Amino acid sequence: SFDHQVKVIRTMPNTPSLVGEGMSVLCPNK
């Protein structure tokens, strides 16, 4: 979507984050 370098982290969190017990997965770009 951009014509320049951009910092991106693809993630997958879940709703138990609401009570401090979420499980999230992170994938950063270069």
Full PDB file with SEQRES, HELIX, SHEET, SSBOND, CRYST1, ORIGX, SCALE, CONECT and MASTER records, all heavy atoms in Angstrom:
SEQRES   1 A   30  SER PHE ASP HIS GLN VAL LYS VAL ILE ARG THR MET PRO          
SEQRES   2 A   30  ASN THR PRO SER LEU VAL GLY GLU GLY MET SER VAL LEU          
SEQRES   3 A   30  CYS PRO ASN LYS                                              
HELIX    1 AA1 THR A   15  VAL A   19  5                                   5    
SHEET    1 AA1 2 ILE A   9  MET A  12  0                                        
SHEET    2 AA1 2 VAL A  25  PRO A  28 -1                                        
CRYST1    1.000    1.000    1.000  90.00  90.00  90.00 P 1           1          
ORIGX1      1.000000  0.000000  0.000000        0.00000                         
ORIGX2      0.000000  1.000000  0.000000        0.00000                         
ORIGX3      0.000000  0.000000  1.000000        0.00000                         
SCALE1      1.000000  0.000000  0.000000        0.00000                         
SCALE2      0.000000  1.000000  0.000000        0.00000                         
SCALE3      0.000000  0.000000  1.000000        0.00000                         
ATOM      1  N   SER A   1       0.815  -1.213   0.000  1.00  0.00           N  
ATOM      2  CA  SER A   1       0.000   0.000   0.000  1.00  0.00           C  
ATOM      3  C   SER A   1       0.854   1.271   0.000  1.00  0.00           C  
ATOM      4  O   SER A   1       0.326   2.361  -0.209  1.00  0.00           O  
ATOM      5  CB  SER A   1      -0.920   0.020   1.232  1.00  0.00           C  
ATOM      6  OG  SER A   1      -1.797  -1.087   1.224  1.00  0.00           O  
ATOM      7  N   PHE A   2       2.147   1.121   0.255  1.00  0.00           N  
ATOM      8  CA  PHE A   2       3.032   2.275   0.367  1.00  0.00           C  
ATOM      9  C   PHE A   2       4.078   2.263  -0.747  1.00  0.00           C  
ATOM     10  O   PHE A   2       4.425   1.206  -1.274  1.00  0.00           O  
ATOM     11  CB  PHE A   2       3.738   2.272   1.727  1.00  0.00           C  
ATOM     12  CG  PHE A   2       2.818   2.449   2.897  1.00  0.00           C  
ATOM     13  CD1 PHE A   2       2.170   1.351   3.459  1.00  0.00           C  
ATOM     14  CD2 PHE A   2       2.593   3.695   3.453  1.00  0.00           C  
ATOM     15  CE1 PHE A   2       1.314   1.496   4.540  1.00  0.00           C  
ATOM     16  CE2 PHE A   2       1.739   3.860   4.533  1.00  0.00           C  
ATOM     17  CZ  PHE A   2       1.095   2.762   5.080  1.00  0.00           C  
ATOM     18  N   ASP A   3       4.604   3.441  -1.056  1.00  0.00           N  
ATOM     19  CA  ASP A   3       5.683   3.538  -2.044  1.00  0.00           C  
ATOM     20  C   ASP A   3       7.031   3.736  -1.357  1.00  0.00           C  
ATOM     21  O   ASP A   3       8.000   4.186  -1.968  1.00  0.00           O  
ATOM     22  CB  ASP A   3       5.413   4.673  -3.039  1.00  0.00           C  
ATOM     23  CG  ASP A   3       5.229   6.022  -2.357  1.00  0.00           C  
ATOM     24  OD1 ASP A   3       5.456   6.096  -1.126  1.00  0.00           O  
ATOM     25  OD2 ASP A   3       4.870   6.994  -3.045  1.00  0.00           O  
ATOM     26  N   HIS A   4       7.092   3.408  -0.077  1.00  0.00           N  
ATOM     27  CA  HIS A   4       8.331   3.504   0.691  1.00  0.00           C  
ATOM     28  C   HIS A   4       8.352   2.385   1.733  1.00  0.00           C  
ATOM     29  O   HIS A   4       7.346   1.704   1.952  1.00  0.00           O  
ATOM     30  CB  HIS A   4       8.447   4.872   1.372  1.00  0.00           C  
ATOM     31  CG  HIS A   4       7.305   5.205   2.284  1.00  0.00           C  
ATOM     32  ND1 HIS A   4       7.208   4.717   3.577  1.00  0.00           N  
ATOM     33  CD2 HIS A   4       6.179   5.961   2.091  1.00  0.00           C  
ATOM     34  CE1 HIS A   4       6.104   5.167   4.134  1.00  0.00           C  
ATOM     35  NE2 HIS A   4       5.454   5.916   3.267  1.00  0.00           N  
ATOM     36  N   GLN A   5       9.507   2.197   2.360  1.00  0.00           N  
ATOM     37  CA  GLN A   5       9.620   1.183   3.397  1.00  0.00           C  
ATOM     38  C   GLN A   5       8.693   1.510   4.560  1.00  0.00           C  
ATOM     39  O   GLN A   5       8.549   2.663   4.944  1.00  0.00           O  
ATOM     40  CB  GLN A   5      11.066   1.102   3.904  1.00  0.00           C  
ATOM     41  CG  GLN A   5      12.055   0.646   2.859  1.00  0.00           C  
ATOM     42  CD  GLN A   5      13.484   0.634   3.388  1.00  0.00           C  
ATOM     43  OE1 GLN A   5      13.749   1.004   4.528  1.00  0.00           O  
ATOM     44  NE2 GLN A   5      14.413   0.211   2.554  1.00  0.00           N  
ATOM     45  N   VAL A   6       8.079   0.479   5.104  1.00  0.00           N  
ATOM     46  CA  VAL A   6       7.150   0.680   6.212  1.00  0.00           C  
ATOM     47  C   VAL A   6       7.339  -0.425   7.240  1.00  0.00           C  
ATOM     48  O   VAL A   6       7.627  -1.577   6.897  1.00  0.00           O  
ATOM     49  CB  VAL A   6       5.690   0.721   5.698  1.00  0.00           C  
ATOM     50  CG1 VAL A   6       5.308  -0.581   5.026  1.00  0.00           C  
ATOM     51  CG2 VAL A   6       4.722   1.066   6.821  1.00  0.00           C  
ATOM     52  N   LYS A   7       7.215  -0.063   8.502  1.00  0.00           N  
ATOM     53  CA  LYS A   7       7.381  -1.021   9.594  1.00  0.00           C  
ATOM     54  C   LYS A   7       6.034  -1.690   9.881  1.00  0.00           C  
ATOM     55  O   LYS A   7       5.056  -1.006  10.184  1.00  0.00           O  
ATOM     56  CB  LYS A   7       7.891  -0.306  10.846  1.00  0.00           C  
ATOM     57  CG  LYS A   7       9.265   0.349  10.692  1.00  0.00           C  
ATOM     58  CD  LYS A   7       9.622   1.141  11.939  1.00  0.00           C  
ATOM     59  CE  LYS A   7      10.947   1.865  11.795  1.00  0.00           C  
ATOM     60  NZ  LYS A   7      12.096   0.916  11.815  1.00  0.00           N  
ATOM     61  N   VAL A   8       5.999  -3.018   9.789  1.00  0.00           N  
ATOM     62  CA  VAL A   8       4.748  -3.767   9.960  1.00  0.00           C  
ATOM     63  C   VAL A   8       4.969  -4.952  10.896  1.00  0.00           C  
ATOM     64  O   VAL A   8       5.984  -5.648  10.797  1.00  0.00           O  
ATOM     65  CB  VAL A   8       4.209  -4.293   8.610  1.00  0.00           C  
ATOM     66  CG1 VAL A   8       2.885  -5.033   8.808  1.00  0.00           C  
ATOM     67  CG2 VAL A   8       4.056  -3.171   7.608  1.00  0.00           C  
ATOM     68  N   ILE A   9       4.017  -5.166  11.790  1.00  0.00           N  
ATOM     69  CA  ILE A   9       3.996  -6.394  12.588  1.00  0.00           C  
ATOM     70  C   ILE A   9       2.615  -7.026  12.429  1.00  0.00           C  
ATOM     71  O   ILE A   9       1.605  -6.422  12.771  1.00  0.00           O  
ATOM     72  CB  ILE A   9       4.287  -6.140  14.079  1.00  0.00           C  
ATOM     73  CG1 ILE A   9       5.656  -5.480  14.252  1.00  0.00           C  
ATOM     74  CG2 ILE A   9       4.237  -7.456  14.859  1.00  0.00           C  
ATOM     75  CD1 ILE A   9       6.029  -5.184  15.698  1.00  0.00           C  
ATOM     76  N   ARG A  10       2.605  -8.200  11.865  1.00  0.00           N  
ATOM     77  CA  ARG A  10       1.359  -8.972  11.736  1.00  0.00           C  
ATOM     78  C   ARG A  10       1.141  -9.722  13.042  1.00  0.00           C  
ATOM     79  O   ARG A  10       2.053 -10.392  13.544  1.00  0.00           O  
ATOM     80  CB  ARG A  10       1.472  -9.952  10.572  1.00  0.00           C  
ATOM     81  CG  ARG A  10       0.232 -10.810  10.344  1.00  0.00           C  
ATOM     82  CD  ARG A  10       0.452 -11.744   9.150  1.00  0.00           C  
ATOM     83  NE  ARG A  10      -0.691 -12.639   8.979  1.00  0.00           N  
ATOM     84  CZ  ARG A  10      -0.765 -13.589   8.042  1.00  0.00           C  
ATOM     85  NH1 ARG A  10       0.252 -13.760   7.204  1.00  0.00           N  
ATOM     86  NH2 ARG A  10      -1.837 -14.356   7.942  1.00  0.00           N  
ATOM     87  N   THR A  11      -0.045  -9.620  13.617  1.00  0.00           N  
ATOM     88  CA  THR A  11      -0.292 -10.268  14.901  1.00  0.00           C  
ATOM     89  C   THR A  11      -1.614 -11.026  14.900  1.00  0.00           C  
ATOM     90  O   THR A  11      -2.476 -10.808  14.045  1.00  0.00           O  
ATOM     91  CB  THR A  11      -0.325  -9.251  16.072  1.00  0.00           C  
ATOM     92  OG1 THR A  11      -1.552  -8.506  16.044  1.00  0.00           O  
ATOM     93  CG2 THR A  11       0.855  -8.303  16.017  1.00  0.00           C  
ATOM     94  N   MET A  12      -1.759 -11.903  15.866  1.00  0.00           N  
ATOM     95  CA  MET A  12      -3.013 -12.606  16.094  1.00  0.00           C  
ATOM     96  C   MET A  12      -3.236 -12.672  17.603  1.00  0.00           C  
ATOM     97  O   MET A  12      -2.706 -13.539  18.288  1.00  0.00           O  
ATOM     98  CB  MET A  12      -2.972 -14.014  15.487  1.00  0.00           C  
ATOM     99  CG  MET A  12      -4.223 -14.860  15.735  1.00  0.00           C  
ATOM    100  SD  MET A  12      -5.779 -14.081  15.242  1.00  0.00           S  
ATOM    101  CE  MET A  12      -5.479 -13.771  13.508  1.00  0.00           C  
ATOM    102  N   PRO A  13      -3.991 -11.734  18.153  1.00  0.00           N  
ATOM    103  CA  PRO A  13      -4.327 -11.768  19.578  1.00  0.00           C  
ATOM    104  C   PRO A  13      -5.630 -12.537  19.788  1.00  0.00           C  
ATOM    105  O   PRO A  13      -6.211 -13.060  18.836  1.00  0.00           O  
ATOM    106  CB  PRO A  13      -4.516 -10.289  19.916  1.00  0.00           C  
ATOM    107  CG  PRO A  13      -5.055  -9.717  18.627  1.00  0.00           C  
ATOM    108  CD  PRO A  13      -4.476 -10.528  17.490  1.00  0.00           C  
ATOM    109  N   ASN A  14      -6.080 -12.627  21.030  1.00  0.00           N  
ATOM    110  CA  ASN A  14      -7.408 -13.195  21.277  1.00  0.00           C  
ATOM    111  C   ASN A  14      -8.109 -12.457  22.409  1.00  0.00           C  
ATOM    112  O   ASN A  14      -7.498 -11.673  23.143  1.00  0.00           O  
ATOM    113  CB  ASN A  14      -7.355 -14.712  21.509  1.00  0.00           C  
ATOM    114  CG  ASN A  14      -6.584 -15.114  22.754  1.00  0.00           C  
ATOM    115  OD1 ASN A  14      -6.274 -14.304  23.619  1.00  0.00           O  
ATOM    116  ND2 ASN A  14      -6.276 -16.393  22.858  1.00  0.00           N  
ATOM    117  N   THR A  15      -9.404 -12.678  22.534  1.00  0.00           N  
ATOM    118  CA  THR A  15     -10.224 -11.862  23.431  1.00  0.00           C  
ATOM    119  C   THR A  15      -9.951 -12.038  24.924  1.00  0.00           C  
ATOM    120  O   THR A  15     -10.276 -11.126  25.691  1.00  0.00           O  
ATOM    121  CB  THR A  15     -11.736 -12.098  23.177  1.00  0.00           C  
ATOM    122  OG1 THR A  15     -12.015 -13.497  23.268  1.00  0.00           O  
ATOM    123  CG2 THR A  15     -12.135 -11.579  21.809  1.00  0.00           C  
ATOM    124  N   PRO A  16      -9.354 -13.133  25.413  1.00  0.00           N  
ATOM    125  CA  PRO A  16      -9.003 -13.173  26.834  1.00  0.00           C  
ATOM    126  C   PRO A  16      -8.016 -12.075  27.261  1.00  0.00           C  
ATOM    127  O   PRO A  16      -7.748 -11.931  28.458  1.00  0.00           O  
ATOM    128  CB  PRO A  16      -8.418 -14.584  27.015  1.00  0.00           C  
ATOM    129  CG  PRO A  16      -9.151 -15.405  26.015  1.00  0.00           C  
ATOM    130  CD  PRO A  16      -9.261 -14.496  24.824  1.00  0.00           C  
ATOM    131  N   SER A  17      -7.532 -11.313  26.304  1.00  0.00           N  
ATOM    132  CA  SER A  17      -6.729 -10.126  26.625  1.00  0.00           C  
ATOM    133  C   SER A  17      -7.504  -9.198  27.561  1.00  0.00           C  
ATOM    134  O   SER A  17      -6.919  -8.457  28.355  1.00  0.00           O  
ATOM    135  CB  SER A  17      -6.381  -9.362  25.341  1.00  0.00           C  
ATOM    136  OG  SER A  17      -5.686 -10.184  24.434  1.00  0.00           O  
ATOM    137  N   LEU A  18      -8.835  -9.247  27.446  1.00  0.00           N  
ATOM    138  CA  LEU A  18      -9.708  -8.402  28.265  1.00  0.00           C  
ATOM    139  C   LEU A  18      -9.489  -8.636  29.757  1.00  0.00           C  
ATOM    140  O   LEU A  18      -9.629  -7.718  30.560  1.00  0.00           O  
ATOM    141  CB  LEU A  18     -11.176  -8.680  27.912  1.00  0.00           C  
ATOM    142  CG  LEU A  18     -12.243  -7.825  28.570  1.00  0.00           C  
ATOM    143  CD1 LEU A  18     -12.153  -6.386  28.089  1.00  0.00           C  
ATOM    144  CD2 LEU A  18     -13.630  -8.379  28.268  1.00  0.00           C  
ATOM    145  N   VAL A  19      -9.109  -9.851  30.126  1.00  0.00           N  
ATOM    146  CA  VAL A  19      -8.908 -10.176  31.544  1.00  0.00           C  
ATOM    147  C   VAL A  19      -7.433 -10.467  31.846  1.00  0.00           C  
ATOM    148  O   VAL A  19      -7.103 -11.102  32.857  1.00  0.00           O  
ATOM    149  CB  VAL A  19      -9.794 -11.367  31.978  1.00  0.00           C  
ATOM    150  CG1 VAL A  19     -11.259 -10.972  31.945  1.00  0.00           C  
ATOM    151  CG2 VAL A  19      -9.540 -12.599  31.114  1.00  0.00           C  
ATOM    152  N   GLY A  20      -6.554  -9.995  30.973  1.00  0.00           N  
ATOM    153  CA  GLY A  20      -5.126 -10.143  31.212  1.00  0.00           C  
ATOM    154  C   GLY A  20      -4.570 -11.519  30.941  1.00  0.00           C  
ATOM    155  O   GLY A  20      -3.463 -11.849  31.357  1.00  0.00           O  
ATOM    156  N   GLU A  21      -5.326 -12.355  30.195  1.00  0.00           N  
ATOM    157  CA  GLU A  21      -4.885 -13.715  29.908  1.00  0.00           C  
ATOM    158  C   GLU A  21      -4.903 -13.992  28.406  1.00  0.00           C  
ATOM    159  O   GLU A  21      -5.208 -15.096  27.963  1.00  0.00           O  
ATOM    160  CB  GLU A  21      -5.759 -14.736  30.643  1.00  0.00           C  
ATOM    161  CG  GLU A  21      -5.617 -14.716  32.153  1.00  0.00           C  
ATOM    162  CD  GLU A  21      -4.242 -15.145  32.647  1.00  0.00           C  
ATOM    163  OE1 GLU A  21      -3.459 -15.697  31.847  1.00  0.00           O  
ATOM    164  OE2 GLU A  21      -3.949 -14.932  33.840  1.00  0.00           O  
ATOM    165  N   GLY A  22      -4.570 -12.979  27.632  1.00  0.00           N  
ATOM    166  CA  GLY A  22      -4.540 -13.152  26.188  1.00  0.00           C  
ATOM    167  C   GLY A  22      -3.372 -14.014  25.739  1.00  0.00           C  
ATOM    168  O   GLY A  22      -2.385 -14.194  26.447  1.00  0.00           O  
ATOM    169  N   MET A  23      -3.490 -14.567  24.537  1.00  0.00           N  
ATOM    170  CA  MET A  23      -2.377 -15.264  23.880  1.00  0.00           C  
ATOM    171  C   MET A  23      -2.235 -14.653  22.498  1.00  0.00           C  
ATOM    172  O   MET A  23      -3.155 -14.720  21.687  1.00  0.00           O  
ATOM    173  CB  MET A  23      -2.659 -16.765  23.771  1.00  0.00           C  
ATOM    174  CG  MET A  23      -1.496 -17.572  23.169  1.00  0.00           C  
ATOM    175  SD  MET A  23      -0.023 -17.583  24.213  1.00  0.00           S  
ATOM    176  CE  MET A  23       1.190 -16.771  23.147  1.00  0.00           C  
ATOM    177  N   SER A  24      -1.104 -13.998  22.253  1.00  0.00           N  
ATOM    178  CA  SER A  24      -0.893 -13.296  20.997  1.00  0.00           C  
ATOM    179  C   SER A  24       0.337 -13.839  20.280  1.00  0.00           C  
ATOM    180  O   SER A  24       1.302 -14.271  20.915  1.00  0.00           O  
ATOM    181  CB  SER A  24      -0.699 -11.795  21.248  1.00  0.00           C  
ATOM    182  OG  SER A  24      -1.791 -11.244  21.948  1.00  0.00           O  
ATOM    183  N   VAL A  25       0.280 -13.814  18.962  1.00  0.00           N  
ATOM    184  CA  VAL A  25       1.404 -14.227  18.134  1.00  0.00           C  
ATOM    185  C   VAL A  25       1.824 -13.037  17.281  1.00  0.00           C  
ATOM    186  O   VAL A  25       0.977 -12.341  16.715  1.00  0.00           O  
ATOM    187  CB  VAL A  25       1.024 -15.422  17.239  1.00  0.00           C  
ATOM    188  CG1 VAL A  25       2.214 -15.851  16.397  1.00  0.00           C  
ATOM    189  CG2 VAL A  25       0.530 -16.585  18.089  1.00  0.00           C  
ATOM    190  N   LEU A  26       3.134 -12.787  17.201  1.00  0.00           N  
ATOM    191  CA  LEU A  26       3.657 -11.623  16.504  1.00  0.00           C  
ATOM    192  C   LEU A  26       4.601 -12.058  15.392  1.00  0.00           C  
ATOM    193  O   LEU A  26       5.392 -12.994  15.570  1.00  0.00           O  
ATOM    194  CB  LEU A  26       4.437 -10.713  17.464  1.00  0.00           C  
ATOM    195  CG  LEU A  26       3.684  -9.821  18.451  1.00  0.00           C  
ATOM    196  CD1 LEU A  26       2.832 -10.631  19.419  1.00  0.00           C  
ATOM    197  CD2 LEU A  26       4.665  -8.958  19.237  1.00  0.00           C  
ATOM    198  N   CYS A  27       4.520 -11.360  14.252  1.00  0.00           N  
ATOM    199  CA  CYS A  27       5.413 -11.631  13.129  1.00  0.00           C  
ATOM    200  C   CYS A  27       5.854 -10.289  12.535  1.00  0.00           C  
ATOM    201  O   CYS A  27       5.057  -9.609  11.879  1.00  0.00           O  
ATOM    202  CB  CYS A  27       4.701 -12.479  12.081  1.00  0.00           C  
ATOM    203  SG  CYS A  27       5.695 -12.744  10.595  1.00  0.00           S  
ATOM    204  N   PRO A  28       7.103  -9.860  12.765  1.00  0.00           N  
ATOM    205  CA  PRO A  28       7.573  -8.565  12.264  1.00  0.00           C  
ATOM    206  C   PRO A  28       8.111  -8.651  10.837  1.00  0.00           C  
ATOM    207  O   PRO A  28       8.601  -9.704  10.412  1.00  0.00           O  
ATOM    208  CB  PRO A  28       8.707  -8.231  13.242  1.00  0.00           C  
ATOM    209  CG  PRO A  28       9.278  -9.578  13.582  1.00  0.00           C  
ATOM    210  CD  PRO A  28       8.114 -10.535  13.610  1.00  0.00           C  
ATOM    211  N   ASN A  29       8.024  -7.542  10.124  1.00  0.00           N  
ATOM    212  CA  ASN A  29       8.706  -7.505   8.830  1.00  0.00           C  
ATOM    213  C   ASN A  29      10.172  -7.108   9.044  1.00  0.00           C  
ATOM    214  O   ASN A  29      10.608  -6.838  10.172  1.00  0.00           O  
ATOM    215  CB  ASN A  29       7.981  -6.613   7.822  1.00  0.00           C  
ATOM    216  CG  ASN A  29       8.194  -5.114   8.063  1.00  0.00           C  
ATOM    217  OD1 ASN A  29       8.687  -4.689   9.117  1.00  0.00           O  
ATOM    218  ND2 ASN A  29       7.800  -4.311   7.105  1.00  0.00           N  
ATOM    219  N   LYS A  30      10.938  -7.070   7.983  1.00  0.00           N  
ATOM    220  CA  LYS A  30      12.394  -6.910   8.114  1.00  0.00           C  
ATOM    221  C   LYS A  30      12.817  -5.514   8.546  1.00  0.00           C  
ATOM    222  O   LYS A  30      13.985  -5.295   8.883  1.00  0.00           O  
ATOM    223  CB  LYS A  30      13.072  -7.258   6.784  1.00  0.00           C  
ATOM    224  CG  LYS A  30      12.655  -6.381   5.611  1.00  0.00           C  
ATOM    225  CD  LYS A  30      13.309  -6.876   4.333  1.00  0.00           C  
ATOM    226  CE  LYS A  30      12.880  -6.046   3.127  1.00  0.00           C  
ATOM    227  NZ  LYS A  30      13.501  -6.558   1.874  1.00  0.00           N  
TER     228      LYS A  30                                                      
MASTER        0    0    0    1    2    0    0    6  227    1    0    3          
END                                                                             
